[in-house]
Amino acid sequence: MRVAAFAGGGTVPSARFRVGQLVAPLRAHGIAMTPCLARFGTYPPRARLARPFWLAATLADRLPDVLRSHRFDVTFLQRELVSTLETWERLTGRPRVLDVDDALWLYRGGRFIRRIAAGCDAVICGNAFLAEYFAGWHPSVHIVPTAVDTARFAPGRAPAAGSTIGWSGSASGLPYLHAIEDALDAVLRARPAARLRVVCNASPQFARLPADRVDFVPWTPGTEVTALQDLAVGIMPLPDTDWERGKCSFKMLLYMACGVPVVVSPVGMNRDVLALGRVGVAAGDHGAWVEGVLGLLDDGPLARQMGAEGRRVVEAHFGLERIAARVATVLHGVRRDGPADTQRGGRDGE
């Protein structure tokens, strides 16, 4: 089976992890997936005056791949082609599969993503919260989490022995980290040997954390693994809103894959992952963040036990080969049924 997979730019996390890393393991399932990446990106530039020119260039750039998609057996749309807009999606080849890893209906009243979903033969959602919403729009919804390459994201050669608290993510997630600055400040004051490491494409802007206690590691494909392997604790703070409930807990899973215990907000999929094993601590307020991080810094045996359990959970539920098999099942299903049989589908909560 030949699949044309439309995704964002090559460094966009969703393009890398929900399309790019699936290419190799899907071959074992008889699927040749060809990424069709957005050369100019899927998100508009900040300068408003430049946006009409960017949009025209993006649409022109993507049109050849849209037309070529009719030569493939299945079209895989990783989100919309242009952020928050319906554009060429219905011109791509059928059958189509829409893959969603965010609560996109919160933009523009959800009209664009609802229309795109309606033109597809199946919808893949990264977690149960997203699937619950899309099930109201589409008869064939499948829950497939973001895969973790456990051969790459793996524990270091020696267990972490330091006191480094780590956060990894894109610049858009820095406000979540800034929101628990008071708790982090309390932890660093209580444990003079502790440090905070931030792995990101932009440096954090803290108001009160001592600069000499914060290590900023610029994100690169070469640092995204090694910067996690020696952490004592991995953190993932989130506010409890619909947008955050739609997130797929990927940074939490990466910490766990590296054998690092976690302290996370019990929001959306984070809560679901915590229920799979004793992998870390839920922190819903200032006191819980301080207590949770300090507890893991101070109790090495517990931290190691939670780290090992986190690794087991990722291998059992989120490993690359396992997730690729689930994606393959959806792709083979839409090819077999074809566009005319969309109504025969049903929600798959596997």
Protein backbone atom coordinates (compact mmCIF):
# COMPACT_ATOMS: atom_id res chain seq x y z
CA MET A 1 0.00 0.00 0.00
CA ARG A 2 1.26 3.47 -0.91
CA VAL A 3 0.30 6.30 1.47
CA ALA A 4 0.79 10.02 0.86
CA ALA A 5 1.25 11.57 4.31
CA PHE A 6 0.77 15.33 4.54
CA ALA A 7 2.43 16.93 7.57
CA GLY A 8 4.10 20.12 8.74
CA GLY A 9 7.79 20.97 8.41
CA GLY A 10 10.49 18.45 9.16
CA THR A 11 11.23 19.79 12.66
CA VAL A 12 7.57 20.13 13.73
CA PRO A 13 7.05 17.59 16.56
CA SER A 14 3.76 16.22 15.19
CA ALA A 15 5.32 15.75 11.75
CA ARG A 16 8.36 14.00 13.21
CA PHE A 17 6.62 11.73 15.67
CA ARG A 18 3.18 11.06 14.14
CA VAL A 19 4.48 10.68 10.56
CA GLY A 20 8.25 10.63 10.13
CA GLN A 21 9.16 7.97 12.68
CA LEU A 22 6.37 5.67 11.43
CA VAL A 23 7.80 5.35 7.91
CA ALA A 24 10.28 2.56 8.70
CA PRO A 25 8.11 0.35 10.98
CA LEU A 26 5.11 0.61 8.63
CA ARG A 27 7.10 -1.17 5.93
CA ALA A 28 6.79 -4.35 7.99
CA HIS A 29 3.02 -4.03 7.53
CA GLY A 30 3.21 -3.66 3.77
CA ILE A 31 2.84 0.11 3.82
CA ALA A 32 5.09 2.56 2.00
CA MET A 33 4.40 5.96 3.58
CA THR A 34 5.74 8.99 1.72
CA PRO A 35 5.88 12.21 3.81
CA CYS A 36 4.66 15.30 1.95
CA LEU A 37 6.06 18.09 4.11
CA ALA A 38 5.14 21.77 4.12
CA ARG A 39 8.21 23.59 2.82
CA PHE A 40 6.97 26.94 4.20
CA GLY A 41 5.37 25.45 7.29
CA THR A 42 1.71 25.21 8.29
CA TYR A 43 1.71 28.16 10.68
CA PRO A 44 1.56 31.79 9.46
CA PRO A 45 4.37 34.27 10.16
CA ARG A 46 3.95 36.69 13.03
CA ALA A 47 3.99 39.72 10.73
CA ARG A 48 0.39 40.14 9.61
CA LEU A 49 1.34 41.96 6.41
CA ALA A 50 3.34 38.92 5.31
CA ARG A 51 0.56 36.41 5.88
CA PRO A 52 -1.31 36.77 2.54
CA PHE A 53 1.96 36.24 0.65
CA TRP A 54 2.88 33.29 2.87
CA LEU A 55 -0.55 31.72 2.39
CA ALA A 56 -0.36 32.04 -1.41
CA ALA A 57 3.15 30.54 -1.44
CA THR A 58 2.13 27.69 0.87
CA LEU A 59 -0.94 26.77 -1.15
CA ALA A 60 1.03 26.87 -4.39
CA ASP A 61 3.79 24.75 -2.86
CA ARG A 62 1.39 22.08 -1.58
CA LEU A 63 -0.78 21.79 -4.69
CA PRO A 64 1.55 19.45 -6.64
CA ASP A 65 1.56 16.96 -3.75
CA VAL A 66 -2.22 17.29 -3.47
CA LEU A 67 -2.58 16.34 -7.14
CA ARG A 68 -0.01 13.53 -6.85
CA SER A 69 -1.89 12.03 -3.90
CA HIS A 70 -4.39 10.53 -6.38
CA ARG A 71 -1.65 8.12 -7.47
CA PHE A 72 -1.49 6.71 -3.93
CA ASP A 73 -3.75 4.17 -2.24
CA VAL A 74 -4.49 6.30 0.84
CA THR A 75 -4.04 9.95 1.83
CA PHE A 76 -2.99 10.60 5.43
CA LEU A 77 -3.63 14.15 6.66
CA GLN A 78 -1.71 14.95 9.83
CA ARG A 79 -3.98 17.82 10.94
CA GLU A 80 -4.99 20.54 8.49
CA LEU A 81 -2.73 21.64 5.62
CA VAL A 82 -2.79 25.29 6.76
CA SER A 83 -3.30 26.16 10.42
CA THR A 84 -7.00 26.69 11.31
CA LEU A 85 -8.14 26.71 7.66
CA GLU A 86 -9.74 24.25 5.28
CA THR A 87 -7.87 24.52 1.97
CA TRP A 88 -6.86 21.69 -0.42
CA GLU A 89 -7.85 18.77 1.83
CA ARG A 90 -10.90 17.70 -0.21
CA LEU A 91 -8.83 17.74 -3.40
CA THR A 92 -6.51 15.01 -2.13
CA GLY A 93 -6.98 11.38 -3.13
CA ARG A 94 -9.43 9.07 -1.43
CA PRO A 95 -9.68 7.23 0.84
CA ARG A 96 -8.41 9.77 3.40
CA VAL A 97 -7.43 9.48 7.05
CA LEU A 98 -7.28 12.53 9.31
CA ASP A 99 -4.82 12.40 12.22
CA VAL A 100 -5.44 14.82 15.11
CA ASP A 101 -3.24 15.45 18.15
CA ASP A 102 -4.71 18.71 19.50
CA ALA A 103 -8.12 20.15 20.37
CA LEU A 104 -8.36 21.95 17.02
CA TRP A 105 -12.09 22.61 17.34
CA LEU A 106 -11.28 25.40 19.79
CA TYR A 107 -10.19 27.57 16.83
CA ARG A 108 -12.67 29.32 14.51
CA GLY A 109 -15.56 27.59 16.19
CA GLY A 110 -14.25 24.24 14.97
CA ARG A 111 -15.89 24.64 11.54
CA PHE A 112 -12.72 24.06 9.51
CA ILE A 113 -11.71 20.82 11.25
CA ARG A 114 -15.27 19.51 11.24
CA ARG A 115 -15.48 19.97 7.47
CA ILE A 116 -12.08 18.32 6.97
CA ALA A 117 -13.11 15.36 9.17
CA ALA A 118 -16.37 15.00 7.24
CA GLY A 119 -14.38 14.56 4.03
CA CYS A 120 -12.29 11.74 5.48
CA ASP A 121 -12.95 8.01 5.77
CA ALA A 122 -11.48 7.64 9.25
CA VAL A 123 -10.14 9.87 12.02
CA ILE A 124 -7.18 8.96 14.23
CA CYS A 125 -7.03 10.79 17.58
CA GLY A 126 -4.05 10.92 19.91
CA ASN A 127 -6.06 10.41 23.09
CA ALA A 128 -9.51 9.59 24.45
CA PHE A 129 -10.52 13.23 25.03
CA LEU A 130 -9.99 14.08 21.36
CA ALA A 131 -11.73 10.88 20.26
CA GLU A 132 -14.77 11.64 22.39
CA TYR A 133 -15.20 14.96 20.62
CA PHE A 134 -14.62 13.69 17.08
CA ALA A 135 -16.94 10.74 17.65
CA GLY A 136 -19.79 13.26 17.61
CA TRP A 137 -18.81 14.21 14.06
CA HIS A 138 -17.53 11.03 12.49
CA PRO A 139 -18.57 7.34 12.59
CA SER A 140 -15.03 5.91 12.38
CA VAL A 141 -12.74 7.23 15.13
CA HIS A 142 -9.63 5.44 16.36
CA ILE A 143 -7.48 6.25 19.40
CA VAL A 144 -3.78 5.95 18.55
CA PRO A 145 -1.30 7.67 20.91
CA THR A 146 1.94 9.22 19.72
CA ALA A 147 4.60 6.53 19.50
CA VAL A 148 7.87 6.56 21.42
CA ASP A 149 10.98 5.09 19.83
CA THR A 150 12.15 3.19 22.91
CA ALA A 151 15.39 2.15 21.19
CA ARG A 152 16.33 5.82 20.95
CA PHE A 153 14.66 7.29 24.03
CA ALA A 154 16.16 4.92 26.57
CA PRO A 155 17.75 5.14 30.03
CA GLY A 156 21.37 6.23 30.21
CA ARG A 157 24.11 3.72 30.85
CA ALA A 158 24.18 4.60 34.55
CA PRO A 159 21.22 5.63 36.76
CA ALA A 160 20.92 9.35 37.34
CA ALA A 161 22.57 10.29 40.60
CA GLY A 162 22.21 14.06 40.53
CA SER A 163 19.45 16.48 41.48
CA THR A 164 18.48 17.89 38.10
CA ILE A 165 14.82 18.68 37.47
CA GLY A 166 14.03 18.73 33.77
CA TRP A 167 11.47 20.22 31.41
CA SER A 168 11.57 19.67 27.66
CA GLY A 169 9.28 21.26 25.08
CA SER A 170 8.75 23.90 22.44
CA ALA A 171 8.62 27.65 23.08
CA SER A 172 4.81 27.61 22.99
CA GLY A 173 4.85 25.50 26.16
CA LEU A 174 7.11 27.80 28.20
CA PRO A 175 4.13 29.61 29.81
CA TYR A 176 3.22 26.30 31.47
CA LEU A 177 6.69 26.14 33.01
CA HIS A 178 6.64 29.80 34.03
CA ALA A 179 3.31 29.18 35.79
CA ILE A 180 4.96 26.95 38.43
CA GLU A 181 7.97 29.20 38.96
CA ASP A 182 7.04 29.77 42.62
CA ALA A 183 7.04 26.04 43.27
CA LEU A 184 10.34 25.56 41.47
CA ASP A 185 11.82 28.46 43.42
CA ALA A 186 10.76 26.80 46.67
CA VAL A 187 12.36 23.51 45.60
CA LEU A 188 15.65 25.13 44.61
CA ARG A 189 15.77 27.08 47.87
CA ALA A 190 15.11 23.93 49.89
CA ARG A 191 17.73 21.87 48.03
CA PRO A 192 20.86 23.94 47.23
CA ALA A 193 22.30 21.14 45.08
CA ALA A 194 19.25 20.95 42.82
CA ARG A 195 19.15 22.52 39.36
CA LEU A 196 16.54 23.10 36.68
CA ARG A 197 17.30 22.11 33.08
CA VAL A 198 15.15 23.53 30.27
CA VAL A 199 15.44 21.89 26.84
CA CYS A 200 13.75 24.14 24.33
CA ASN A 201 14.10 26.10 21.09
CA ALA A 202 13.86 29.33 23.14
CA SER A 203 15.26 30.26 26.53
CA PRO A 204 12.88 30.59 29.50
CA GLN A 205 12.24 33.99 31.07
CA PHE A 206 11.96 33.49 34.82
CA ALA A 207 11.26 36.39 37.16
CA ARG A 208 12.84 35.03 40.31
CA LEU A 209 14.70 31.78 39.74
CA PRO A 210 18.46 32.32 40.16
CA ALA A 211 20.07 32.31 36.71
CA ASP A 212 22.99 30.23 37.97
CA ARG A 213 20.57 27.43 38.96
CA VAL A 214 18.92 27.16 35.55
CA ASP A 215 20.60 25.36 32.65
CA PHE A 216 19.19 26.17 29.23
CA VAL A 217 19.91 23.49 26.62
CA PRO A 218 18.99 24.59 23.08
CA TRP A 219 16.91 21.87 21.47
CA THR A 220 18.44 19.89 18.63
CA PRO A 221 17.76 16.33 17.43
CA GLY A 222 21.14 15.50 18.91
CA THR A 223 20.34 16.81 22.40
CA GLU A 224 16.70 15.79 22.80
CA VAL A 225 17.63 12.36 24.18
CA THR A 226 20.87 12.92 26.09
CA ALA A 227 19.44 15.96 27.90
CA LEU A 228 16.78 13.74 29.47
CA GLN A 229 18.73 10.64 30.39
CA ASP A 230 20.45 12.00 33.51
CA LEU A 231 17.45 13.82 34.96
CA ALA A 232 16.39 13.07 38.52
CA VAL A 233 12.81 14.24 37.84
CA GLY A 234 10.90 15.17 34.69
CA ILE A 235 8.06 17.69 34.98
CA MET A 236 5.01 18.48 32.86
CA PRO A 237 2.80 21.26 34.27
CA LEU A 238 -0.51 22.05 32.54
CA PRO A 239 -3.60 24.12 33.37
CA ASP A 240 -6.88 22.21 33.34
CA THR A 241 -8.52 23.54 30.17
CA ASP A 242 -9.88 21.88 27.03
CA TRP A 243 -6.77 22.75 25.01
CA GLU A 244 -4.49 21.07 27.52
CA ARG A 245 -6.84 18.08 27.93
CA GLY A 246 -6.31 17.52 24.22
CA LYS A 247 -2.53 17.19 24.59
CA CYS A 248 -1.00 13.76 24.13
CA SER A 249 1.41 13.68 27.13
CA PHE A 250 4.39 13.19 24.85
CA LYS A 251 7.01 14.90 27.00
CA MET A 252 5.81 12.84 29.96
CA LEU A 253 6.24 9.66 27.89
CA LEU A 254 9.73 10.69 26.79
CA TYR A 255 10.85 11.18 30.40
CA MET A 256 9.40 7.78 31.28
CA ALA A 257 11.05 6.08 28.29
CA CYS A 258 14.39 7.36 29.61
CA GLY A 259 13.69 5.84 33.03
CA VAL A 260 12.99 9.21 34.66
CA PRO A 261 10.22 9.51 37.28
CA VAL A 262 7.70 12.27 36.62
CA VAL A 263 5.77 14.96 38.42
CA VAL A 264 2.90 16.11 36.22
CA SER A 265 -0.41 17.94 36.30
CA PRO A 266 -3.22 15.33 36.41
CA VAL A 267 -4.86 16.78 33.30
CA GLY A 268 -6.27 14.87 30.33
CA MET A 269 -4.04 12.08 29.09
CA ASN A 270 -1.52 12.73 31.89
CA ARG A 271 -4.08 11.31 34.30
CA ASP A 272 -4.61 8.27 32.04
CA VAL A 273 -0.88 7.55 31.88
CA LEU A 274 -0.51 7.88 35.66
CA ALA A 275 -3.21 5.21 36.01
CA LEU A 276 -1.12 2.68 34.06
CA GLY A 277 1.49 2.26 36.80
CA ARG A 278 3.36 3.91 39.64
CA VAL A 279 5.41 6.10 37.32
CA GLY A 280 5.40 9.39 39.21
CA VAL A 281 3.39 11.92 41.15
CA ALA A 282 0.32 14.01 40.30
CA ALA A 283 0.67 17.70 41.23
CA GLY A 284 -2.46 19.82 41.16
CA ASP A 285 -1.36 22.85 43.16
CA HIS A 286 1.68 24.70 44.51
CA GLY A 287 2.10 22.50 47.56
CA ALA A 288 1.79 19.29 45.54
CA TRP A 289 4.45 20.46 43.10
CA VAL A 290 6.90 21.27 45.89
CA GLU A 291 6.18 18.08 47.81
CA GLY A 292 6.21 15.88 44.71
CA VAL A 293 9.54 17.12 43.34
CA LEU A 294 11.25 17.20 46.72
CA GLY A 295 9.97 13.71 47.50
CA LEU A 296 11.59 12.24 44.40
CA LEU A 297 14.82 14.21 44.87
CA ASP A 298 15.11 12.91 48.42
CA ASP A 299 14.07 9.29 47.92
CA GLY A 300 16.46 7.70 45.43
CA PRO A 301 15.08 4.14 45.68
CA LEU A 302 11.52 5.36 45.07
CA ALA A 303 12.63 7.51 42.15
CA ARG A 304 14.46 4.59 40.56
CA GLN A 305 11.48 2.30 41.10
CA MET A 306 9.13 4.81 39.46
CA GLY A 307 11.60 5.37 36.62
CA ALA A 308 11.78 1.64 35.91
CA GLU A 309 8.00 1.34 36.01
CA GLY A 310 7.66 4.29 33.65
CA ARG A 311 9.98 2.60 31.16
CA ARG A 312 7.90 -0.58 31.39
CA VAL A 313 4.65 1.31 30.80
CA VAL A 314 6.02 3.05 27.70
CA GLU A 315 7.33 -0.20 26.26
CA ALA A 316 4.01 -1.95 26.93
CA HIS A 317 1.64 0.73 25.63
CA PHE A 318 3.43 3.35 23.53
CA GLY A 319 6.35 1.65 21.78
CA LEU A 320 6.95 2.49 18.13
CA GLU A 321 6.29 -1.00 16.74
CA ARG A 322 3.05 -1.35 18.69
CA ILE A 323 1.72 2.03 17.59
CA ALA A 324 2.78 1.46 13.97
CA ALA A 325 0.74 -1.73 13.95
CA ARG A 326 -2.34 0.19 15.10
CA VAL A 327 -1.86 2.85 12.43
CA ALA A 328 -1.43 0.08 9.84
CA THR A 329 -4.74 -1.46 10.91
CA VAL A 330 -6.54 1.83 10.26
CA LEU A 331 -4.85 2.38 6.90
CA HIS A 332 -5.55 -1.15 5.67
CA GLY A 333 -9.14 -0.77 6.88
CA VAL A 334 -9.91 2.37 4.88
CA ARG A 335 -8.26 0.96 1.78
CA ARG A 336 -10.36 -2.21 2.04
CA ASP A 337 -13.65 -0.45 2.74
CA GLY A 338 -13.12 2.50 0.40
CA PRO A 339 -14.80 5.91 0.51
CA ALA A 340 -18.27 4.58 -0.15
CA ASP A 341 -18.31 2.50 3.02
CA THR A 342 -17.42 5.24 5.51
CA GLN A 343 -20.70 4.79 7.40
CA ARG A 344 -19.79 1.20 8.22
CA GLY A 345 -17.08 2.35 10.60
CA GLY A 346 -17.36 2.65 14.35
CA ARG A 347 -15.34 4.17 17.14
CA ASP A 348 -12.32 2.10 18.01
CA GLY A 349 -11.15 2.67 21.55
CA GLU A 350 -8.25 0.25 21.31
